[in-house]
Protein backbone atom coordinates (compact mmCIF):
# COMPACT_ATOMS: atom_id res chain seq x y z
CA UNK A 1 -39.70 22.14 -15.45
CA UNK A 2 -41.92 23.19 -18.30
CA UNK A 3 -45.36 21.62 -18.35
CA UNK A 4 -46.74 20.29 -21.64
CA UNK A 5 -49.88 22.41 -21.29
CA UNK A 6 -47.77 25.57 -20.96
CA UNK A 7 -45.87 24.61 -24.12
CA UNK A 8 -49.15 24.09 -25.92
CA UNK A 9 -50.34 27.51 -24.77
CA UNK A 10 -47.12 29.13 -26.04
CA UNK A 11 -47.72 27.50 -29.44
CA UNK A 12 -51.31 28.76 -29.37
CA UNK A 13 -50.11 32.28 -28.58
CA UNK A 14 -47.65 32.15 -31.46
CA UNK A 15 -50.30 30.92 -33.84
CA UNK A 16 -52.63 33.67 -32.65
CA UNK A 17 -50.04 36.31 -33.48
CA UNK A 18 -49.48 34.66 -36.87
CA UNK A 19 -53.24 34.68 -37.50
CA UNK A 20 -53.46 38.37 -36.65
CA UNK A 21 -55.39 38.07 -33.38
CA UNK A 22 -52.97 39.82 -31.06
CA UNK A 23 -55.61 40.32 -28.36
CA UNK A 24 -56.06 36.57 -28.11
CA UNK A 25 -52.30 36.09 -28.00
CA UNK A 26 -52.01 38.56 -25.11
CA UNK A 27 -54.83 36.77 -23.27
CA UNK A 28 -53.07 33.43 -23.70
CA UNK A 29 -49.78 34.87 -22.42
CA UNK A 30 -51.63 36.27 -19.38
CA UNK A 31 -53.05 32.80 -18.71
CA UNK A 32 -49.52 31.36 -18.95
CA UNK A 33 -48.24 33.95 -16.46
CA UNK A 34 -51.08 33.33 -13.99
CA UNK A 35 -50.51 29.59 -14.27
CA UNK A 36 -46.80 30.07 -13.56
CA UNK A 37 -47.56 32.16 -10.47
CA UNK A 38 -49.98 29.56 -9.11
CA UNK A 39 -47.52 26.74 -9.83
CA UNK A 40 -44.69 28.48 -7.99
CA UNK A 41 -46.90 29.25 -4.98
CA UNK A 42 -48.07 25.65 -4.88
CA UNK A 43 -44.48 24.39 -5.11
CA UNK A 44 -43.43 26.61 -2.18
CA UNK A 45 -46.33 25.31 -0.10
CA UNK A 46 -45.39 21.73 -0.94
CA UNK A 47 -41.77 22.34 0.09
CA UNK A 48 -42.93 23.79 3.42
CA UNK A 49 -45.21 20.80 3.96
CA UNK A 50 -42.34 18.38 3.32
CA UNK A 51 -40.12 20.27 5.76
CA UNK A 52 -42.88 20.17 8.39
CA UNK A 53 -43.35 16.45 7.91
CA UNK A 54 -39.60 15.87 8.07
CA UNK A 55 -39.56 17.41 11.54
CA UNK A 56 -41.70 14.50 12.74
CA UNK A 57 -39.11 11.94 11.65
CA UNK A 58 -36.57 10.75 14.19
CA UNK A 59 -33.04 12.01 13.70
CA UNK A 60 -31.63 8.52 14.21
CA UNK A 61 -33.18 5.06 14.26
CA UNK A 62 -34.26 3.59 17.58
CA UNK A 63 -32.83 0.18 16.76
CA UNK A 64 -30.31 -1.08 14.30
CA UNK A 65 -31.35 -3.28 11.42
CA UNK A 66 -29.86 -6.37 13.11
CA UNK A 67 -31.39 -5.67 16.52
CA UNK A 68 -34.66 -7.55 16.95
CA UNK A 69 -35.29 -6.24 20.44
CA UNK A 70 -34.85 -9.71 21.91
CA UNK A 71 -31.90 -10.99 23.83
CA UNK A 72 -29.93 -13.84 22.31
CA UNK A 73 -30.01 -15.88 25.52
CA UNK A 74 -33.36 -16.96 26.91
CA UNK A 75 -34.18 -15.53 30.30
CA UNK A 76 -36.99 -17.98 31.04
CA UNK A 77 -36.70 -21.77 30.99
CA UNK A 78 -39.65 -23.82 29.93
CA UNK A 79 -40.48 -27.42 30.89
CA UNK A 80 -38.77 -29.91 28.64
CA UNK A 81 -35.93 -27.56 27.67
CA UNK A 82 -32.46 -27.86 29.05
């Protein structure tokens, strides 16, 4: 995915070349490259964090959605109930 700021920097680099300031254009392209490196490293770290968190999740649910954990027949009778 291309970030809007990176697109803006590419436009700025192009305009710098058009204006005749190639040194500025090179500096902007270097900033784009450094930003891309940091973004990819951050994305890899985020993927590893998600995988680590996923290992804490159970592989299957403990109860089904219809199971309330209570039996359908009462095991204790109370006064006044038949």
